[in-house]
Amino acid sequence: MSDEVAGAMAAPDVKPKSISRAKKWSDEIENLYRFQQAGYRDEIEYKQVKHVEMVDRWPETGFVKKLQRRNNTFYYYDRQRECEDKEVHKVKVYAY
């Protein structure tokens, strides 16, 4: 995790400075896809809203395993990639 992300996580109610769209799949894009499906910008916003320190991840892949939506229902994700190539361009990448 970069110092910039760590600093952003420590600051309450931090807002992103810019946004771009994903062009190519990666592990980072996969996890962003999962957070955005659950209704959050990214891990930073999830931790701020849900007041959690850790996010459940699959140990084999590091992908997000489970997220709690704002309405308190849960999303469960597979160990393997779920963001298909045709969905990659929909993922928003935020810069802080």
N, C-alpha and C. Protein backbone atom coordinates (compact mmCIF):
# COMPACT_ATOMS: atom_id res chain seq x y z
N MET A 1 0.86 -1.18 0.00
CA MET A 1 0.00 0.00 0.00
C MET A 1 0.90 1.23 0.00
N SER A 2 0.60 2.18 -0.84
CA SER A 2 1.43 3.39 -0.93
C SER A 2 1.17 4.30 0.27
N ASP A 3 2.14 5.18 0.54
CA ASP A 3 1.98 6.14 1.63
C ASP A 3 0.79 7.05 1.38
N GLU A 4 0.54 7.37 0.10
CA GLU A 4 -0.57 8.25 -0.26
C GLU A 4 -1.90 7.62 0.14
N VAL A 5 -2.06 6.31 -0.16
CA VAL A 5 -3.30 5.60 0.20
C VAL A 5 -3.40 5.47 1.71
N ALA A 6 -2.31 5.13 2.38
CA ALA A 6 -2.32 5.00 3.83
C ALA A 6 -2.71 6.33 4.48
N GLY A 7 -2.17 7.43 3.96
CA GLY A 7 -2.51 8.75 4.48
C GLY A 7 -3.97 9.09 4.23
N ALA A 8 -4.47 8.72 3.07
CA ALA A 8 -5.87 8.99 2.74
C ALA A 8 -6.80 8.20 3.65
N MET A 9 -6.40 6.96 3.99
CA MET A 9 -7.24 6.14 4.87
C MET A 9 -7.30 6.73 6.27
N ALA A 10 -6.24 7.39 6.70
CA ALA A 10 -6.20 7.94 8.05
C ALA A 10 -7.05 9.20 8.16
N ALA A 11 -7.19 9.93 7.07
CA ALA A 11 -7.94 11.18 7.09
C ALA A 11 -9.44 10.91 7.01
N PRO A 12 -10.22 11.50 7.91
CA PRO A 12 -11.67 11.29 7.85
C PRO A 12 -12.29 12.03 6.66
N ASP A 13 -13.23 11.38 6.03
CA ASP A 13 -13.99 11.98 4.92
C ASP A 13 -13.11 12.55 3.81
N VAL A 14 -12.07 11.84 3.46
CA VAL A 14 -11.20 12.29 2.37
C VAL A 14 -11.94 12.11 1.05
N LYS A 15 -11.75 13.05 0.15
CA LYS A 15 -12.41 13.00 -1.16
C LYS A 15 -11.36 12.81 -2.24
N PRO A 16 -11.69 12.09 -3.29
CA PRO A 16 -10.71 11.91 -4.37
C PRO A 16 -10.46 13.21 -5.14
N LYS A 17 -9.23 13.34 -5.66
CA LYS A 17 -8.86 14.53 -6.43
C LYS A 17 -9.22 14.38 -7.89
N SER A 18 -9.16 13.15 -8.39
CA SER A 18 -9.48 12.93 -9.81
C SER A 18 -10.02 11.52 -10.01
N ILE A 19 -10.57 11.31 -11.20
CA ILE A 19 -11.17 10.02 -11.53
C ILE A 19 -10.80 9.68 -12.97
N SER A 20 -10.57 8.39 -13.20
CA SER A 20 -10.35 7.92 -14.57
C SER A 20 -11.01 6.56 -14.70
N ARG A 21 -11.09 6.08 -15.90
CA ARG A 21 -11.67 4.76 -16.15
C ARG A 21 -10.56 3.74 -16.37
N ALA A 22 -10.81 2.53 -15.92
CA ALA A 22 -9.85 1.45 -16.12
C ALA A 22 -9.77 1.10 -17.60
N LYS A 23 -8.57 0.79 -18.06
CA LYS A 23 -8.36 0.41 -19.46
C LYS A 23 -8.08 -1.09 -19.60
N LYS A 24 -7.43 -1.66 -18.57
CA LYS A 24 -6.97 -3.04 -18.64
C LYS A 24 -7.16 -3.71 -17.28
N TRP A 25 -7.53 -4.99 -17.27
CA TRP A 25 -7.75 -5.71 -16.02
C TRP A 25 -6.45 -5.90 -15.26
N SER A 26 -6.53 -5.80 -13.94
CA SER A 26 -5.42 -6.12 -13.04
C SER A 26 -6.04 -6.52 -11.70
N ASP A 27 -5.20 -6.97 -10.77
CA ASP A 27 -5.71 -7.31 -9.43
C ASP A 27 -6.37 -6.09 -8.78
N GLU A 28 -5.75 -4.93 -8.93
CA GLU A 28 -6.29 -3.70 -8.35
C GLU A 28 -7.67 -3.38 -8.95
N ILE A 29 -7.79 -3.52 -10.26
CA ILE A 29 -9.06 -3.24 -10.94
C ILE A 29 -10.12 -4.25 -10.48
N GLU A 30 -9.74 -5.50 -10.31
CA GLU A 30 -10.67 -6.52 -9.81
C GLU A 30 -11.25 -6.12 -8.47
N ASN A 31 -10.40 -5.67 -7.55
CA ASN A 31 -10.89 -5.28 -6.23
C ASN A 31 -11.73 -4.01 -6.28
N LEU A 32 -11.34 -3.04 -7.13
CA LEU A 32 -12.16 -1.84 -7.31
C LEU A 32 -13.55 -2.22 -7.83
N TYR A 33 -13.59 -3.14 -8.78
CA TYR A 33 -14.85 -3.62 -9.34
C TYR A 33 -15.75 -4.16 -8.22
N ARG A 34 -15.17 -4.93 -7.33
CA ARG A 34 -15.95 -5.53 -6.23
C ARG A 34 -16.47 -4.46 -5.27
N PHE A 35 -15.63 -3.49 -4.92
CA PHE A 35 -16.09 -2.40 -4.04
C PHE A 35 -17.20 -1.60 -4.72
N GLN A 36 -17.04 -1.31 -6.01
CA GLN A 36 -18.04 -0.51 -6.71
C GLN A 36 -19.34 -1.27 -6.90
N GLN A 37 -19.30 -2.57 -7.06
CA GLN A 37 -20.53 -3.36 -7.14
C GLN A 37 -21.31 -3.28 -5.83
N ALA A 38 -20.58 -3.19 -4.72
CA ALA A 38 -21.21 -3.12 -3.40
C ALA A 38 -21.63 -1.70 -3.03
N GLY A 39 -21.34 -0.72 -3.90
CA GLY A 39 -21.82 0.64 -3.68
C GLY A 39 -20.82 1.61 -3.09
N TYR A 40 -19.53 1.28 -3.16
CA TYR A 40 -18.48 2.15 -2.63
C TYR A 40 -17.52 2.54 -3.74
N ARG A 41 -16.82 3.68 -3.57
CA ARG A 41 -15.82 4.09 -4.54
C ARG A 41 -14.67 3.10 -4.56
N ASP A 42 -14.17 2.79 -3.34
CA ASP A 42 -12.97 1.97 -3.21
C ASP A 42 -12.82 1.54 -1.75
N GLU A 43 -11.70 0.92 -1.44
CA GLU A 43 -11.46 0.43 -0.08
C GLU A 43 -11.43 1.57 0.94
N ILE A 44 -10.91 2.71 0.55
CA ILE A 44 -10.84 3.86 1.47
C ILE A 44 -12.24 4.27 1.92
N GLU A 45 -13.17 4.42 0.98
CA GLU A 45 -14.53 4.82 1.34
C GLU A 45 -15.22 3.72 2.16
N TYR A 46 -15.00 2.46 1.79
CA TYR A 46 -15.60 1.34 2.53
C TYR A 46 -15.18 1.39 4.00
N LYS A 47 -13.89 1.57 4.24
CA LYS A 47 -13.39 1.60 5.62
C LYS A 47 -13.93 2.81 6.38
N GLN A 48 -14.10 3.95 5.69
CA GLN A 48 -14.64 5.14 6.34
C GLN A 48 -16.11 4.95 6.72
N VAL A 49 -16.88 4.39 5.81
CA VAL A 49 -18.33 4.23 6.03
C VAL A 49 -18.62 3.12 7.04
N LYS A 50 -17.93 1.99 6.91
CA LYS A 50 -18.22 0.83 7.76
C LYS A 50 -17.38 0.78 9.03
N HIS A 51 -16.42 1.71 9.16
CA HIS A 51 -15.57 1.77 10.35
C HIS A 51 -14.91 0.43 10.64
N VAL A 52 -14.30 -0.14 9.62
CA VAL A 52 -13.58 -1.40 9.78
C VAL A 52 -12.10 -1.17 9.49
N GLU A 53 -11.26 -2.00 10.09
CA GLU A 53 -9.81 -1.92 9.87
C GLU A 53 -9.39 -2.80 8.69
N MET A 54 -10.03 -3.98 8.60
CA MET A 54 -9.63 -4.97 7.60
C MET A 54 -10.82 -5.33 6.71
N VAL A 55 -10.50 -5.72 5.48
CA VAL A 55 -11.50 -6.21 4.54
C VAL A 55 -11.22 -7.70 4.34
N ASP A 56 -12.28 -8.52 4.38
CA ASP A 56 -12.11 -9.97 4.16
C ASP A 56 -11.59 -10.22 2.75
N ARG A 57 -10.47 -10.94 2.67
CA ARG A 57 -9.85 -11.25 1.37
C ARG A 57 -9.57 -12.74 1.27
N TRP A 58 -9.53 -13.22 0.03
CA TRP A 58 -9.13 -14.60 -0.23
C TRP A 58 -7.61 -14.67 -0.07
N PRO A 59 -7.09 -15.57 0.78
CA PRO A 59 -5.64 -15.63 0.98
C PRO A 59 -4.87 -16.03 -0.27
N GLU A 60 -5.47 -16.84 -1.13
CA GLU A 60 -4.78 -17.32 -2.33
C GLU A 60 -4.56 -16.21 -3.36
N THR A 61 -5.54 -15.34 -3.52
CA THR A 61 -5.48 -14.34 -4.59
C THR A 61 -5.38 -12.91 -4.07
N GLY A 62 -5.80 -12.66 -2.84
CA GLY A 62 -5.82 -11.30 -2.32
C GLY A 62 -7.05 -10.53 -2.75
N PHE A 63 -7.95 -11.18 -3.50
CA PHE A 63 -9.18 -10.51 -3.93
C PHE A 63 -10.14 -10.39 -2.75
N VAL A 64 -10.98 -9.36 -2.79
CA VAL A 64 -11.99 -9.15 -1.75
C VAL A 64 -12.94 -10.34 -1.74
N LYS A 65 -13.21 -10.83 -0.53
CA LYS A 65 -14.05 -12.02 -0.34
C LYS A 65 -15.50 -11.65 0.00
N LYS A 66 -15.66 -10.64 0.88
CA LYS A 66 -17.00 -10.30 1.35
C LYS A 66 -17.05 -8.82 1.67
N LEU A 67 -18.15 -8.16 1.26
CA LEU A 67 -18.36 -6.75 1.57
C LEU A 67 -19.78 -6.55 2.09
N GLN A 68 -19.93 -5.62 3.01
CA GLN A 68 -21.25 -5.28 3.54
C GLN A 68 -21.72 -4.00 2.85
N ARG A 69 -22.89 -4.09 2.23
CA ARG A 69 -23.45 -2.91 1.56
C ARG A 69 -23.94 -1.91 2.60
N ARG A 70 -24.32 -0.74 2.13
CA ARG A 70 -24.81 0.30 3.04
C ARG A 70 -26.12 -0.11 3.72
N ASN A 71 -26.90 -0.98 3.06
CA ASN A 71 -28.15 -1.44 3.66
C ASN A 71 -27.95 -2.69 4.52
N ASN A 72 -26.68 -3.00 4.81
CA ASN A 72 -26.26 -4.09 5.70
C ASN A 72 -26.43 -5.50 5.13
N THR A 73 -26.78 -5.62 3.85
CA THR A 73 -26.74 -6.94 3.22
C THR A 73 -25.29 -7.20 2.78
N PHE A 74 -24.97 -8.46 2.55
CA PHE A 74 -23.59 -8.81 2.21
C PHE A 74 -23.47 -9.25 0.77
N TYR A 75 -22.35 -8.92 0.17
CA TYR A 75 -21.95 -9.44 -1.15
C TYR A 75 -20.81 -10.41 -0.91
N TYR A 76 -20.90 -11.60 -1.48
CA TYR A 76 -19.84 -12.60 -1.38
C TYR A 76 -19.25 -12.80 -2.76
N TYR A 77 -17.93 -12.86 -2.84
CA TYR A 77 -17.24 -12.97 -4.12
C TYR A 77 -16.40 -14.24 -4.18
N ASP A 78 -16.17 -14.72 -5.40
CA ASP A 78 -15.36 -15.91 -5.64
C ASP A 78 -13.88 -15.62 -5.48
N ARG A 79 -13.12 -16.72 -5.38
CA ARG A 79 -11.65 -16.61 -5.32
C ARG A 79 -11.08 -16.09 -6.63
N GLN A 80 -11.74 -16.44 -7.72
CA GLN A 80 -11.24 -16.13 -9.05
C GLN A 80 -11.80 -14.81 -9.56
N ARG A 81 -11.26 -14.36 -10.66
CA ARG A 81 -11.68 -13.12 -11.30
C ARG A 81 -13.18 -13.11 -11.60
N GLU A 82 -13.83 -11.99 -11.30
CA GLU A 82 -15.24 -11.82 -11.61
C GLU A 82 -15.48 -10.69 -12.61
N CYS A 83 -14.55 -9.76 -12.69
CA CYS A 83 -14.68 -8.62 -13.60
C CYS A 83 -14.25 -9.05 -15.00
N GLU A 84 -15.23 -9.28 -15.86
CA GLU A 84 -14.94 -9.70 -17.23
C GLU A 84 -14.37 -8.53 -18.03
N ASP A 85 -13.68 -8.86 -19.11
CA ASP A 85 -13.07 -7.81 -19.95
C ASP A 85 -14.09 -6.77 -20.40
N LYS A 86 -15.32 -7.21 -20.69
CA LYS A 86 -16.33 -6.25 -21.16
C LYS A 86 -16.80 -5.30 -20.05
N GLU A 87 -16.48 -5.62 -18.78
CA GLU A 87 -16.87 -4.77 -17.65
C GLU A 87 -15.75 -3.83 -17.20
N VAL A 88 -14.53 -4.09 -17.62
CA VAL A 88 -13.36 -3.35 -17.13
C VAL A 88 -13.52 -1.84 -17.33
N HIS A 89 -14.00 -1.41 -18.48
CA HIS A 89 -14.11 0.03 -18.77
C HIS A 89 -15.12 0.74 -17.86
N LYS A 90 -15.95 0.00 -17.15
CA LYS A 90 -16.93 0.60 -16.24
C LYS A 90 -16.33 0.93 -14.88
N VAL A 91 -15.17 0.35 -14.58
CA VAL A 91 -14.54 0.55 -13.27
C VAL A 91 -13.91 1.94 -13.20
N LYS A 92 -14.21 2.66 -12.13
CA LYS A 92 -13.66 3.99 -11.92
C LYS A 92 -12.45 3.90 -11.00
N VAL A 93 -11.39 4.57 -11.40
CA VAL A 93 -10.15 4.59 -10.61
C VAL A 93 -9.99 6.00 -10.04
N TYR A 94 -9.98 6.10 -8.73
CA TYR A 94 -9.90 7.40 -8.06
C TYR A 94 -8.47 7.67 -7.60
N ALA A 95 -8.05 8.92 -7.72
CA ALA A 95 -6.73 9.35 -7.25
C ALA A 95 -6.92 10.33 -6.09
N TYR A 96 -6.13 10.15 -5.06
CA TYR A 96 -6.24 10.98 -3.86
C TYR A 96 -5.04 11.89 -3.71
